[in-house]
Amino acid sequence: MNEIGRLTTHVLDTAHGKPAGGMPIELFRVSGGETSLIKRVVTNADGRCDAPMLEGDAMAAGSYELVFHVGEYFSTFNGLKTDFLDVVPVRFQIAAPAEHYHVPLLVSPYGYSTYRGS
């Protein structure tokens, strides 16, 4: 069976030990130093998007950026400081549009990590 290329993401809140539901995320295409918005979503209760950020014919080789609005997300928790991270941009390349690209974010108010998942 041939896999249809797609881009997915999810966010884990490491400060609270749970998925980051309700976090706004934007996806941009980057070309020649300019960015163009492709999609805006808000994560569901499982910290995931209800549909892939890109899939099928929309997947194209090139440079992309996911922008995670972590400050907005953490500001929903009373008493939790959000005076360090505001937005977390993750710029990456899609070289093989027929493949699955999964770009998760593990985040707290003071740090984050990401990787290419499966």
PDB file of N, CA and C in Angstrom:
ATOM      1  N   MET A   1       0.836  -1.177   0.000  1.00  0.00           N
ATOM      2  CA  MET A   1       0.000   0.000   0.000  1.00  0.00           C
ATOM      3  C   MET A   1       0.883   1.244   0.000  1.00  0.00           C
ATOM      4  N   ASN A   2       0.593   2.203  -0.871  1.00  0.00           N
ATOM      5  CA  ASN A   2       1.341   3.448  -0.920  1.00  0.00           C
ATOM      6  C   ASN A   2       0.774   4.424   0.100  1.00  0.00           C
ATOM      7  N   GLU A   3       1.661   5.067   0.822  1.00  0.00           N
ATOM      8  CA  GLU A   3       1.234   6.053   1.810  1.00  0.00           C
ATOM      9  C   GLU A   3       1.077   7.406   1.134  1.00  0.00           C
ATOM     10  N   ILE A   4       0.049   8.124   1.518  1.00  0.00           N
ATOM     11  CA  ILE A   4      -0.147   9.485   1.021  1.00  0.00           C
ATOM     12  C   ILE A   4       0.625  10.416   1.935  1.00  0.00           C
ATOM     13  N   GLY A   5       1.415  11.293   1.345  1.00  0.00           N
ATOM     14  CA  GLY A   5       2.212  12.219   2.135  1.00  0.00           C
ATOM     15  C   GLY A   5       1.338  13.109   2.985  1.00  0.00           C
ATOM     16  N   ARG A   6       1.810  13.386   4.205  1.00  0.00           N
ATOM     17  CA  ARG A   6       1.073  14.277   5.094  1.00  0.00           C
ATOM     18  C   ARG A   6       2.008  14.871   6.145  1.00  0.00           C
ATOM     19  N   LEU A   7       1.593  16.016   6.655  1.00  0.00           N
ATOM     20  CA  LEU A   7       2.298  16.706   7.729  1.00  0.00           C
ATOM     21  C   LEU A   7       1.370  16.761   8.930  1.00  0.00           C
ATOM     22  N   THR A   8       1.834  16.219  10.047  1.00  0.00           N
ATOM     23  CA  THR A   8       1.050  16.246  11.280  1.00  0.00           C
ATOM     24  C   THR A   8       1.906  16.811  12.408  1.00  0.00           C
ATOM     25  N   THR A   9       1.245  17.195  13.490  1.00  0.00           N
ATOM     26  CA  THR A   9       1.932  17.695  14.669  1.00  0.00           C
ATOM     27  C   THR A   9       1.093  17.389  15.892  1.00  0.00           C
ATOM     28  N   HIS A  10       1.711  17.449  17.038  1.00  0.00           N
ATOM     29  CA  HIS A  10       0.980  17.450  18.308  1.00  0.00           C
ATOM     30  C   HIS A  10       1.856  18.139  19.345  1.00  0.00           C
ATOM     31  N   VAL A  11       1.213  18.559  20.435  1.00  0.00           N
ATOM     32  CA  VAL A  11       1.926  19.324  21.455  1.00  0.00           C
ATOM     33  C   VAL A  11       1.697  18.681  22.817  1.00  0.00           C
ATOM     34  N   LEU A  12       2.785  18.449  23.546  1.00  0.00           N
ATOM     35  CA  LEU A  12       2.716  17.937  24.905  1.00  0.00           C
ATOM     36  C   LEU A  12       3.198  19.016  25.872  1.00  0.00           C
ATOM     37  N   ASP A  13       2.396  19.275  26.879  1.00  0.00           N
ATOM     38  CA  ASP A  13       2.679  20.261  27.922  1.00  0.00           C
ATOM     39  C   ASP A  13       3.462  19.542  29.021  1.00  0.00           C
ATOM     40  N   THR A  14       4.784  19.727  29.040  1.00  0.00           N
ATOM     41  CA  THR A  14       5.611  19.025  30.015  1.00  0.00           C
ATOM     42  C   THR A  14       5.529  19.647  31.406  1.00  0.00           C
ATOM     43  N   ALA A  15       5.035  20.867  31.519  1.00  0.00           N
ATOM     44  CA  ALA A  15       4.863  21.499  32.831  1.00  0.00           C
ATOM     45  C   ALA A  15       3.709  20.856  33.600  1.00  0.00           C
ATOM     46  N   HIS A  16       2.690  20.411  32.867  1.00  0.00           N
ATOM     47  CA  HIS A  16       1.514  19.819  33.498  1.00  0.00           C
ATOM     48  C   HIS A  16       1.409  18.316  33.254  1.00  0.00           C
ATOM     49  N   GLY A  17       2.299  17.763  32.431  1.00  0.00           N
ATOM     50  CA  GLY A  17       2.284  16.337  32.158  1.00  0.00           C
ATOM     51  C   GLY A  17       1.054  15.873  31.413  1.00  0.00           C
ATOM     52  N   LYS A  18       0.651  16.666  30.387  1.00  0.00           N
ATOM     53  CA  LYS A  18      -0.558  16.309  29.633  1.00  0.00           C
ATOM     54  C   LYS A  18      -0.493  16.906  28.225  1.00  0.00           C
ATOM     55  N   PRO A  19      -1.402  16.474  27.362  1.00  0.00           N
ATOM     56  CA  PRO A  19      -1.470  17.096  26.032  1.00  0.00           C
ATOM     57  C   PRO A  19      -1.850  18.571  26.158  1.00  0.00           C
ATOM     58  N   ALA A  20      -1.372  19.389  25.221  1.00  0.00           N
ATOM     59  CA  ALA A  20      -1.645  20.834  25.243  1.00  0.00           C
ATOM     60  C   ALA A  20      -2.865  21.140  24.371  1.00  0.00           C
ATOM     61  N   GLY A  21      -4.033  20.894  24.902  1.00  0.00           N
ATOM     62  CA  GLY A  21      -5.273  21.206  24.188  1.00  0.00           C
ATOM     63  C   GLY A  21      -5.538  22.696  24.195  1.00  0.00           C
ATOM     64  N   GLY A  22      -6.003  23.218  23.071  1.00  0.00           N
ATOM     65  CA  GLY A  22      -6.345  24.638  22.971  1.00  0.00           C
ATOM     66  C   GLY A  22      -5.205  25.537  22.547  1.00  0.00           C
ATOM     67  N   MET A  23      -4.107  24.966  22.032  1.00  0.00           N
ATOM     68  CA  MET A  23      -2.986  25.797  21.591  1.00  0.00           C
ATOM     69  C   MET A  23      -3.135  26.166  20.109  1.00  0.00           C
ATOM     70  N   PRO A  24      -3.103  27.462  19.795  1.00  0.00           N
ATOM     71  CA  PRO A  24      -3.122  27.873  18.384  1.00  0.00           C
ATOM     72  C   PRO A  24      -1.795  27.542  17.699  1.00  0.00           C
ATOM     73  N   ILE A  25      -1.903  27.074  16.446  1.00  0.00           N
ATOM     74  CA  ILE A  25      -0.736  26.761  15.626  1.00  0.00           C
ATOM     75  C   ILE A  25      -0.990  27.322  14.231  1.00  0.00           C
ATOM     76  N   GLU A  26       0.060  27.883  13.643  1.00  0.00           N
ATOM     77  CA  GLU A  26      -0.015  28.356  12.261  1.00  0.00           C
ATOM     78  C   GLU A  26       1.044  27.631  11.441  1.00  0.00           C
ATOM     79  N   LEU A  27       0.715  27.349  10.188  1.00  0.00           N
ATOM     80  CA  LEU A  27       1.655  26.753   9.252  1.00  0.00           C
ATOM     81  C   LEU A  27       1.906  27.740   8.128  1.00  0.00           C
ATOM     82  N   PHE A  28       3.187  28.002   7.855  1.00  0.00           N
ATOM     83  CA  PHE A  28       3.606  28.910   6.790  1.00  0.00           C
ATOM     84  C   PHE A  28       4.483  28.171   5.791  1.00  0.00           C
ATOM     85  N   ARG A  29       4.394  28.553   4.543  1.00  0.00           N
ATOM     86  CA  ARG A  29       5.364  28.140   3.518  1.00  0.00           C
ATOM     87  C   ARG A  29       6.407  29.243   3.473  1.00  0.00           C
ATOM     88  N   VAL A  30       7.674  28.877   3.384  1.00  0.00           N
ATOM     89  CA  VAL A  30       8.772  29.836   3.360  1.00  0.00           C
ATOM     90  C   VAL A  30       9.435  29.753   1.998  1.00  0.00           C
ATOM     91  N   SER A  31       9.514  30.894   1.309  1.00  0.00           N
ATOM     92  CA  SER A  31      10.120  30.916  -0.016  1.00  0.00           C
ATOM     93  C   SER A  31      10.801  32.260  -0.227  1.00  0.00           C
ATOM     94  N   GLY A  32      12.076  32.222  -0.528  1.00  0.00           N
ATOM     95  CA  GLY A  32      12.824  33.449  -0.780  1.00  0.00           C
ATOM     96  C   GLY A  32      12.814  34.413   0.394  1.00  0.00           C
ATOM     97  N   GLY A  33      12.797  33.897   1.600  1.00  0.00           N
ATOM     98  CA  GLY A  33      12.782  34.750   2.787  1.00  0.00           C
ATOM     99  C   GLY A  33      11.408  35.268   3.162  1.00  0.00           C
ATOM    100  N   GLU A  34      10.415  35.017   2.331  1.00  0.00           N
ATOM    101  CA  GLU A  34       9.036  35.447   2.614  1.00  0.00           C
ATOM    102  C   GLU A  34       8.228  34.260   3.129  1.00  0.00           C
ATOM    103  N   THR A  35       7.279  34.541   4.017  1.00  0.00           N
ATOM    104  CA  THR A  35       6.397  33.494   4.513  1.00  0.00           C
ATOM    105  C   THR A  35       4.970  33.768   4.066  1.00  0.00           C
ATOM    106  N   SER A  36       4.249  32.701   3.778  1.00  0.00           N
ATOM    107  CA  SER A  36       2.828  32.843   3.448  1.00  0.00           C
ATOM    108  C   SER A  36       2.039  31.826   4.267  1.00  0.00           C
ATOM    109  N   LEU A  37       0.998  32.319   4.908  1.00  0.00           N
ATOM    110  CA  LEU A  37       0.170  31.491   5.778  1.00  0.00           C
ATOM    111  C   LEU A  37      -0.593  30.462   4.958  1.00  0.00           C
ATOM    112  N   ILE A  38      -0.522  29.212   5.394  1.00  0.00           N
ATOM    113  CA  ILE A  38      -1.261  28.128   4.758  1.00  0.00           C
ATOM    114  C   ILE A  38      -2.483  27.752   5.588  1.00  0.00           C
ATOM    115  N   LYS A  39      -2.284  27.662   6.913  1.00  0.00           N
ATOM    116  CA  LYS A  39      -3.356  27.143   7.762  1.00  0.00           C
ATOM    117  C   LYS A  39      -3.185  27.618   9.195  1.00  0.00           C
ATOM    118  N   ARG A  40      -4.326  27.837   9.857  1.00  0.00           N
ATOM    119  CA  ARG A  40      -4.377  28.101  11.306  1.00  0.00           C
ATOM    120  C   ARG A  40      -5.264  27.037  11.930  1.00  0.00           C
ATOM    121  N   VAL A  41      -4.821  26.474  13.038  1.00  0.00           N
ATOM    122  CA  VAL A  41      -5.607  25.476  13.754  1.00  0.00           C
ATOM    123  C   VAL A  41      -5.457  25.702  15.253  1.00  0.00           C
ATOM    124  N   VAL A  42      -6.279  25.019  16.025  1.00  0.00           N
ATOM    125  CA  VAL A  42      -6.162  24.982  17.483  1.00  0.00           C
ATOM    126  C   VAL A  42      -6.171  23.510  17.868  1.00  0.00           C
ATOM    127  N   THR A  43      -5.236  23.105  18.719  1.00  0.00           N
ATOM    128  CA  THR A  43      -5.146  21.699  19.091  1.00  0.00           C
ATOM    129  C   THR A  43      -6.382  21.256  19.862  1.00  0.00           C
ATOM    130  N   ASN A  44      -6.723  19.980  19.691  1.00  0.00           N
ATOM    131  CA  ASN A  44      -7.851  19.405  20.411  1.00  0.00           C
ATOM    132  C   ASN A  44      -7.419  18.961  21.804  1.00  0.00           C
ATOM    133  N   ALA A  45      -8.302  18.318  22.543  1.00  0.00           N
ATOM    134  CA  ALA A  45      -8.014  17.921  23.926  1.00  0.00           C
ATOM    135  C   ALA A  45      -6.842  16.950  24.021  1.00  0.00           C
ATOM    136  N   ASP A  46      -6.521  16.256  22.930  1.00  0.00           N
ATOM    137  CA  ASP A  46      -5.404  15.326  22.902  1.00  0.00           C
ATOM    138  C   ASP A  46      -4.105  16.011  22.462  1.00  0.00           C
ATOM    139  N   GLY A  47      -4.133  17.354  22.294  1.00  0.00           N
ATOM    140  CA  GLY A  47      -2.951  18.096  21.875  1.00  0.00           C
ATOM    141  C   GLY A  47      -2.636  17.930  20.403  1.00  0.00           C
ATOM    142  N   ARG A  48      -3.587  17.393  19.644  1.00  0.00           N
ATOM    143  CA  ARG A  48      -3.386  17.129  18.217  1.00  0.00           C
ATOM    144  C   ARG A  48      -4.310  18.003  17.384  1.00  0.00           C
ATOM    145  N   CYS A  49      -4.062  18.021  16.086  1.00  0.00           N
ATOM    146  CA  CYS A  49      -4.939  18.708  15.149  1.00  0.00           C
ATOM    147  C   CYS A  49      -5.954  17.689  14.641  1.00  0.00           C
ATOM    148  N   ASP A  50      -7.154  18.143  14.352  1.00  0.00           N
ATOM    149  CA  ASP A  50      -8.200  17.222  13.911  1.00  0.00           C
ATOM    150  C   ASP A  50      -7.945  16.645  12.519  1.00  0.00           C
ATOM    151  N   ALA A  51      -7.095  17.280  11.754  1.00  0.00           N
ATOM    152  CA  ALA A  51      -6.737  16.814  10.410  1.00  0.00           C
ATOM    153  C   ALA A  51      -5.263  17.158  10.173  1.00  0.00           C
ATOM    154  N   PRO A  52      -4.619  16.498   9.217  1.00  0.00           N
ATOM    155  CA  PRO A  52      -3.231  16.852   8.908  1.00  0.00           C
ATOM    156  C   PRO A  52      -3.105  18.328   8.525  1.00  0.00           C
ATOM    157  N   MET A  53      -1.965  18.900   8.815  1.00  0.00           N
ATOM    158  CA  MET A  53      -1.690  20.284   8.430  1.00  0.00           C
ATOM    159  C   MET A  53      -1.570  20.387   6.908  1.00  0.00           C
ATOM    160  N   LEU A  54      -0.991  19.370   6.288  1.00  0.00           N
ATOM    161  CA  LEU A  54      -0.897  19.239   4.829  1.00  0.00           C
ATOM    162  C   LEU A  54      -1.093  17.763   4.502  1.00  0.00           C
ATOM    163  N   GLU A  55      -1.636  17.490   3.317  1.00  0.00           N
ATOM    164  CA  GLU A  55      -1.695  16.102   2.869  1.00  0.00           C
ATOM    165  C   GLU A  55      -1.948  16.043   1.376  1.00  0.00           C
ATOM    166  N   GLY A  56      -1.604  14.894   0.803  1.00  0.00           N
ATOM    167  CA  GLY A  56      -1.867  14.647  -0.607  1.00  0.00           C
ATOM    168  C   GLY A  56      -1.216  15.665  -1.518  1.00  0.00           C
ATOM    169  N   ASP A  57      -2.015  16.226  -2.427  1.00  0.00           N
ATOM    170  CA  ASP A  57      -1.501  17.179  -3.415  1.00  0.00           C
ATOM    171  C   ASP A  57      -0.978  18.471  -2.789  1.00  0.00           C
ATOM    172  N   ALA A  58      -1.410  18.792  -1.570  1.00  0.00           N
ATOM    173  CA  ALA A  58      -0.937  20.015  -0.903  1.00  0.00           C
ATOM    174  C   ALA A  58       0.498  19.869  -0.401  1.00  0.00           C
ATOM    175  N   MET A  59       0.963  18.617  -0.264  1.00  0.00           N
ATOM    176  CA  MET A  59       2.349  18.389   0.166  1.00  0.00           C
ATOM    177  C   MET A  59       3.272  18.695  -0.996  1.00  0.00           C
ATOM    178  N   ALA A  60       4.190  19.586  -0.777  1.00  0.00           N
ATOM    179  CA  ALA A  60       5.165  19.942  -1.811  1.00  0.00           C
ATOM    180  C   ALA A  60       6.526  20.098  -1.152  1.00  0.00           C
ATOM    181  N   ALA A  61       7.558  19.754  -1.886  1.00  0.00           N
ATOM    182  CA  ALA A  61       8.913  19.932  -1.375  1.00  0.00           C
ATOM    183  C   ALA A  61       9.146  21.416  -1.124  1.00  0.00           C
ATOM    184  N   GLY A  62       9.890  21.702  -0.071  1.00  0.00           N
ATOM    185  CA  GLY A  62      10.212  23.087   0.231  1.00  0.00           C
ATOM    186  C   GLY A  62      10.381  23.328   1.709  1.00  0.00           C
ATOM    187  N   SER A  63      10.441  24.595   2.056  1.00  0.00           N
ATOM    188  CA  SER A  63      10.669  25.027   3.427  1.00  0.00           C
ATOM    189  C   SER A  63       9.346  25.480   4.049  1.00  0.00           C
ATOM    190  N   TYR A  64       9.129  25.060   5.293  1.00  0.00           N
ATOM    191  CA  TYR A  64       7.892  25.369   6.013  1.00  0.00           C
ATOM    192  C   TYR A  64       8.229  25.811   7.428  1.00  0.00           C
ATOM    193  N   GLU A  65       7.254  26.443   8.065  1.00  0.00           N
ATOM    194  CA  GLU A  65       7.422  26.849   9.457  1.00  0.00           C
ATOM    195  C   GLU A  65       6.109  26.649  10.198  1.00  0.00           C
ATOM    196  N   LEU A  66       6.179  25.902  11.293  1.00  0.00           N
ATOM    197  CA  LEU A  66       5.066  25.795  12.226  1.00  0.00           C
ATOM    198  C   LEU A  66       5.317  26.807  13.331  1.00  0.00           C
ATOM    199  N   VAL A  67       4.310  27.595  13.664  1.00  0.00           N
ATOM    200  CA  VAL A  67       4.424  28.579  14.735  1.00  0.00           C
ATOM    201  C   VAL A  67       3.433  28.191  15.829  1.00  0.00           C
ATOM    202  N   PHE A  68       3.978  27.817  16.971  1.00  0.00           N
ATOM    203  CA  PHE A  68       3.184  27.379  18.115  1.00  0.00           C
ATOM    204  C   PHE A  68       3.016  28.561  19.077  1.00  0.00           C
ATOM    205  N   HIS A  69       1.798  28.896  19.415  1.00  0.00           N
ATOM    206  CA  HIS A  69       1.512  30.032  20.292  1.00  0.00           C
ATOM    207  C   HIS A  69       1.455  29.557  21.748  1.00  0.00           C
ATOM    208  N   VAL A  70       2.645  29.304  22.292  1.00  0.00           N
ATOM    209  CA  VAL A  70       2.745  28.715  23.619  1.00  0.00           C
ATOM    210  C   VAL A  70       2.413  29.716  24.726  1.00  0.00           C
ATOM    211  N   GLY A  71       2.755  30.978  24.554  1.00  0.00           N
ATOM    212  CA  GLY A  71       2.429  31.984  25.563  1.00  0.00           C
ATOM    213  C   GLY A  71       0.931  32.121  25.750  1.00  0.00           C
ATOM    214  N   GLU A  72       0.215  32.133  24.646  1.00  0.00           N
ATOM    215  CA  GLU A  72      -1.250  32.211  24.706  1.00  0.00           C
ATOM    216  C   GLU A  72      -1.818  30.986  25.428  1.00  0.00           C
ATOM    217  N   TYR A  73      -1.286  29.820  25.121  1.00  0.00           N
ATOM    218  CA  TYR A  73      -1.731  28.582  25.776  1.00  0.00           C
ATOM    219  C   TYR A  73      -1.459  28.630  27.279  1.00  0.00           C
ATOM    220  N   PHE A  74      -0.218  28.935  27.682  1.00  0.00           N
ATOM    221  CA  PHE A  74       0.116  28.920  29.105  1.00  0.00           C
ATOM    222  C   PHE A  74      -0.572  30.030  29.885  1.00  0.00           C
ATOM    223  N   SER A  75      -0.973  31.106  29.231  1.00  0.00           N
ATOM    224  CA  SER A  75      -1.664  32.191  29.936  1.00  0.00           C
ATOM    225  C   SER A  75      -3.042  31.767  30.438  1.00  0.00           C
ATOM    226  N   THR A  76      -3.539  30.624  29.964  1.00  0.00           N
ATOM    227  CA  THR A  76      -4.849  30.147  30.420  1.00  0.00           C
ATOM    228  C   THR A  76      -4.774  29.505  31.796  1.00  0.00           C
ATOM    229  N   PHE A  77      -3.565  29.292  32.317  1.00  0.00           N
ATOM    230  CA  PHE A  77      -3.394  28.690  33.631  1.00  0.00           C
ATOM    231  C   PHE A  77      -3.119  29.783  34.661  1.00  0.00           C
ATOM    232  N   ASN A  78      -3.992  29.938  35.630  1.00  0.00           N
ATOM    233  CA  ASN A  78      -3.827  30.963  36.671  1.00  0.00           C
ATOM    234  C   ASN A  78      -2.530  30.747  37.430  1.00  0.00           C
ATOM    235  N   GLY A  79      -1.778  31.808  37.576  1.00  0.00           N
ATOM    236  CA  GLY A  79      -0.566  31.767  38.367  1.00  0.00           C
ATOM    237  C   GLY A  79       0.651  31.211  37.649  1.00  0.00           C
ATOM    238  N   LEU A  80       0.514  30.777  36.404  1.00  0.00           N
ATOM    239  CA  LEU A  80       1.661  30.248  35.685  1.00  0.00           C
ATOM    240  C   LEU A  80       2.318  31.369  34.902  1.00  0.00           C
ATOM    241  N   LYS A  81       3.597  31.617  35.176  1.00  0.00           N
ATOM    242  CA  LYS A  81       4.315  32.680  34.479  1.00  0.00           C
ATOM    243  C   LYS A  81       4.488  32.339  33.013  1.00  0.00           C
ATOM    244  N   THR A  82       4.307  33.333  32.174  1.00  0.00           N
ATOM    245  CA  THR A  82       4.518  33.157  30.742  1.00  0.00           C
ATOM    246  C   THR A  82       5.383  34.293  30.213  1.00  0.00           C
ATOM    247  N   ASP A  83       6.355  34.704  31.023  1.00  0.00           N
ATOM    248  CA  ASP A  83       7.163  35.867  30.666  1.00  0.00           C
ATOM    249  C   ASP A  83       8.445  35.516  29.905  1.00  0.00           C
ATOM    250  N   PHE A  84       8.543  34.289  29.416  1.00  0.00           N
ATOM    251  CA  PHE A  84       9.735  33.916  28.650  1.00  0.00           C
ATOM    252  C   PHE A  84       9.350  33.522  27.229  1.00  0.00           C
ATOM    253  N   LEU A  85       8.752  32.367  27.036  1.00  0.00           N
ATOM    254  CA  LEU A  85       8.351  31.931  25.693  1.00  0.00           C
ATOM    255  C   LEU A  85       7.002  32.533  25.313  1.00  0.00           C
ATOM    256  N   ASP A  86       6.923  33.030  24.099  1.00  0.00           N
ATOM    257  CA  ASP A  86       5.661  33.544  23.563  1.00  0.00           C
ATOM    258  C   ASP A  86       5.226  32.678  22.391  1.00  0.00           C
ATOM    259  N   VAL A  87       5.997  32.726  21.301  1.00  0.00           N
ATOM    260  CA  VAL A  87       5.747  31.845  20.162  1.00  0.00           C
ATOM    261  C   VAL A  87       6.994  31.012  19.915  1.00  0.00           C
ATOM    262  N   VAL A  88       6.784  29.787  19.475  1.00  0.00           N
ATOM    263  CA  VAL A  88       7.892  28.898  19.139  1.00  0.00           C
ATOM    264  C   VAL A  88       7.796  28.581  17.656  1.00  0.00           C
ATOM    265  N   PRO A  89       8.704  29.142  16.843  1.00  0.00           N
ATOM    266  CA  PRO A  89       8.723  28.806  15.418  1.00  0.00           C
ATOM    267  C   PRO A  89       9.627  27.596  15.178  1.00  0.00           C
ATOM    268  N   VAL A  90       9.144  26.672  14.376  1.00  0.00           N
ATOM    269  CA  VAL A  90       9.945  25.512  14.003  1.00  0.00           C
ATOM    270  C   VAL A  90       9.995  25.480  12.478  1.00  0.00           C
ATOM    271  N   ARG A  91      11.162  25.788  11.924  1.00  0.00           N
ATOM    272  CA  ARG A  91      11.342  25.826  10.468  1.00  0.00           C
ATOM    273  C   ARG A  91      11.996  24.515  10.045  1.00  0.00           C
ATOM    274  N   PHE A  92      11.449  23.911   9.001  1.00  0.00           N
ATOM    275  CA  PHE A  92      11.915  22.601   8.562  1.00  0.00           C
ATOM    276  C   PHE A  92      11.717  22.459   7.054  1.00  0.00           C
ATOM    277  N   GLN A  93      12.321  21.420   6.509  1.00  0.00           N
ATOM    278  CA  GLN A  93      12.248  21.134   5.077  1.00  0.00           C
ATOM    279  C   GLN A  93      11.413  19.886   4.829  1.00  0.00           C
ATOM    280  N   ILE A  94      10.618  19.914   3.779  1.00  0.00           N
ATOM    281  CA  ILE A  94       9.976  18.710   3.261  1.00  0.00           C
ATOM    282  C   ILE A  94      10.722  18.378   1.968  1.00  0.00           C
ATOM    283  N   ALA A  95      11.427  17.257   1.994  1.00  0.00           N
ATOM    284  CA  ALA A  95      12.205  16.843   0.829  1.00  0.00           C
ATOM    285  C   ALA A  95      11.505  15.743   0.044  1.00  0.00           C
ATOM    286  N   ALA A  96      10.683  14.953   0.722  1.00  0.00           N
ATOM    287  CA  ALA A  96      10.003  13.817   0.099  1.00  0.00           C
ATOM    288  C   ALA A  96       8.501  13.935   0.385  1.00  0.00           C
ATOM    289  N   PRO A  97       7.762  14.656  -0.450  1.00  0.00           N
ATOM    290  CA  PRO A  97       6.345  14.934  -0.189  1.00  0.00           C
ATOM    291  C   PRO A  97       5.445  13.708  -0.067  1.00  0.00           C
ATOM    292  N   ALA A  98       5.887  12.552  -0.513  1.00  0.00           N
ATOM    293  CA  ALA A  98       5.069  11.343  -0.400  1.00  0.00           C
ATOM    294  C   ALA A  98       5.191  10.694   0.979  1.00  0.00           C
ATOM    295  N   GLU A  99       6.083  11.217   1.820  1.00  0.00           N
ATOM    296  CA  GLU A  99       6.299  10.645   3.149  1.00  0.00           C
ATOM    297  C   GLU A  99       5.460  11.357   4.207  1.00  0.00           C
ATOM    298  N   HIS A 100       5.393  10.725   5.386  1.00  0.00           N
ATOM    299  CA  HIS A 100       4.719  11.316   6.543  1.00  0.00           C
ATOM    300  C   HIS A 100       5.754  12.113   7.343  1.00  0.00           C
ATOM    301  N   TYR A 101       5.502  13.383   7.521  1.00  0.00           N
ATOM    302  CA  TYR A 101       6.329  14.246   8.361  1.00  0.00           C
ATOM    303  C   TYR A 101       5.523  14.569   9.608  1.00  0.00           C
ATOM    304  N   HIS A 102       6.049  14.174  10.765  1.00  0.00           N
ATOM    305  CA  HIS A 102       5.384  14.458  12.034  1.00  0.00           C
ATOM    306  C   HIS A 102       6.327  15.327  12.850  1.00  0.00           C
ATOM    307  N   VAL A 103       5.873  16.514  13.245  1.00  0.00           N
ATOM    308  CA  VAL A 103       6.714  17.479  13.954  1.00  0.00           C
ATOM    309  C   VAL A 103       6.061  17.797  15.295  1.00  0.00           C
ATOM    310  N   PRO A 104       6.359  17.014  16.327  1.00  0.00           N
ATOM    311  CA  PRO A 104       5.773  17.264  17.641  1.00  0.00           C
ATOM    312  C   PRO A 104       6.553  18.334  18.410  1.00  0.00           C
ATOM    313  N   LEU A 105       5.878  18.929  19.383  1.00  0.00           N
ATOM    314  CA  LEU A 105       6.509  19.913  20.263  1.00  0.00           C
ATOM    315  C   LEU A 105       6.272  19.494  21.701  1.00  0.00           C
ATOM    316  N   LEU A 106       7.333  19.415  22.479  1.00  0.00           N
ATOM    317  CA  LEU A 106       7.260  19.207  23.921  1.00  0.00           C
ATOM    318  C   LEU A 106       7.635  20.539  24.535  1.00  0.00           C
ATOM    319  N   VAL A 107       6.750  21.100  25.375  1.00  0.00           N
ATOM    320  CA  VAL A 107       6.950  22.490  25.788  1.00  0.00           C
ATOM    321  C   VAL A 107       6.554  22.732  27.240  1.00  0.00           C
ATOM    322  N   SER A 108       7.291  23.650  27.861  1.00  0.00           N
ATOM    323  CA  SER A 108       6.955  24.214  29.165  1.00  0.00           C
ATOM    324  C   SER A 108       7.082  25.730  29.001  1.00  0.00           C
ATOM    325  N   PRO A 109       6.752  26.521  30.016  1.00  0.00           N
ATOM    326  CA  PRO A 109       6.904  27.974  29.859  1.00  0.00           C
ATOM    327  C   PRO A 109       8.353  28.430  29.639  1.00  0.00           C
ATOM    328  N   TYR A 110       9.330  27.549  29.910  1.00  0.00           N
ATOM    329  CA  TYR A 110      10.728  27.971  29.848  1.00  0.00           C
ATOM    330  C   TYR A 110      11.616  27.159  28.916  1.00  0.00           C
ATOM    331  N   GLY A 111      11.039  26.243  28.162  1.00  0.00           N
ATOM    332  CA  GLY A 111      11.858  25.460  27.247  1.00  0.00           C
ATOM    333  C   GLY A 111      11.010  24.553  26.389  1.00  0.00           C
ATOM    334  N   TYR A 112      11.621  24.062  25.301  1.00  0.00           N
ATOM    335  CA  TYR A 112      10.907  23.174  24.399  1.00  0.00           C
ATOM    336  C   TYR A 112      11.893  22.290  23.650  1.00  0.00           C
ATOM    337  N   SER A 113      11.366  21.237  23.062  1.00  0.00           N
ATOM    338  CA  SER A 113      12.144  20.396  22.147  1.00  0.00           C
ATOM    339  C   SER A 113      11.205  19.893  21.067  1.00  0.00           C
ATOM    340  N   THR A 114      11.807  19.535  19.946  1.00  0.00           N
ATOM    341  CA  THR A 114      11.060  19.003  18.821  1.00  0.00           C
ATOM    342  C   THR A 114      11.936  18.002  18.091  1.00  0.00           C
ATOM    343  N   TYR A 115      11.338  17.242  17.205  1.00  0.00           N
ATOM    344  CA  TYR A 115      12.064  16.238  16.441  1.00  0.00           C
ATOM    345  C   TYR A 115      11.174  15.806  15.279  1.00  0.00           C
ATOM    346  N   ARG A 116      11.732  15.074  14.341  1.00  0.00           N
ATOM    347  CA  ARG A 116      10.898  14.482  13.297  1.00  0.00           C
ATOM    348  C   ARG A 116      10.444  13.120  13.782  1.00  0.00           C
ATOM    349  N   GLY A 117       9.175  13.027  14.053  1.00  0.00           N
ATOM    350  CA  GLY A 117       8.606  11.772  14.537  1.00  0.00           C
ATOM    351  C   GLY A 117       8.080  10.921  13.406  1.00  0.00           C
ATOM    352  N   SER A 118       7.324   9.916  13.774  1.00  0.00           N
ATOM    353  CA  SER A 118       6.764   9.013  12.759  1.00  0.00           C
ATOM    354  C   SER A 118       5.256   8.934  12.876  1.00  0.00           C
TER     355      SER A 118
END
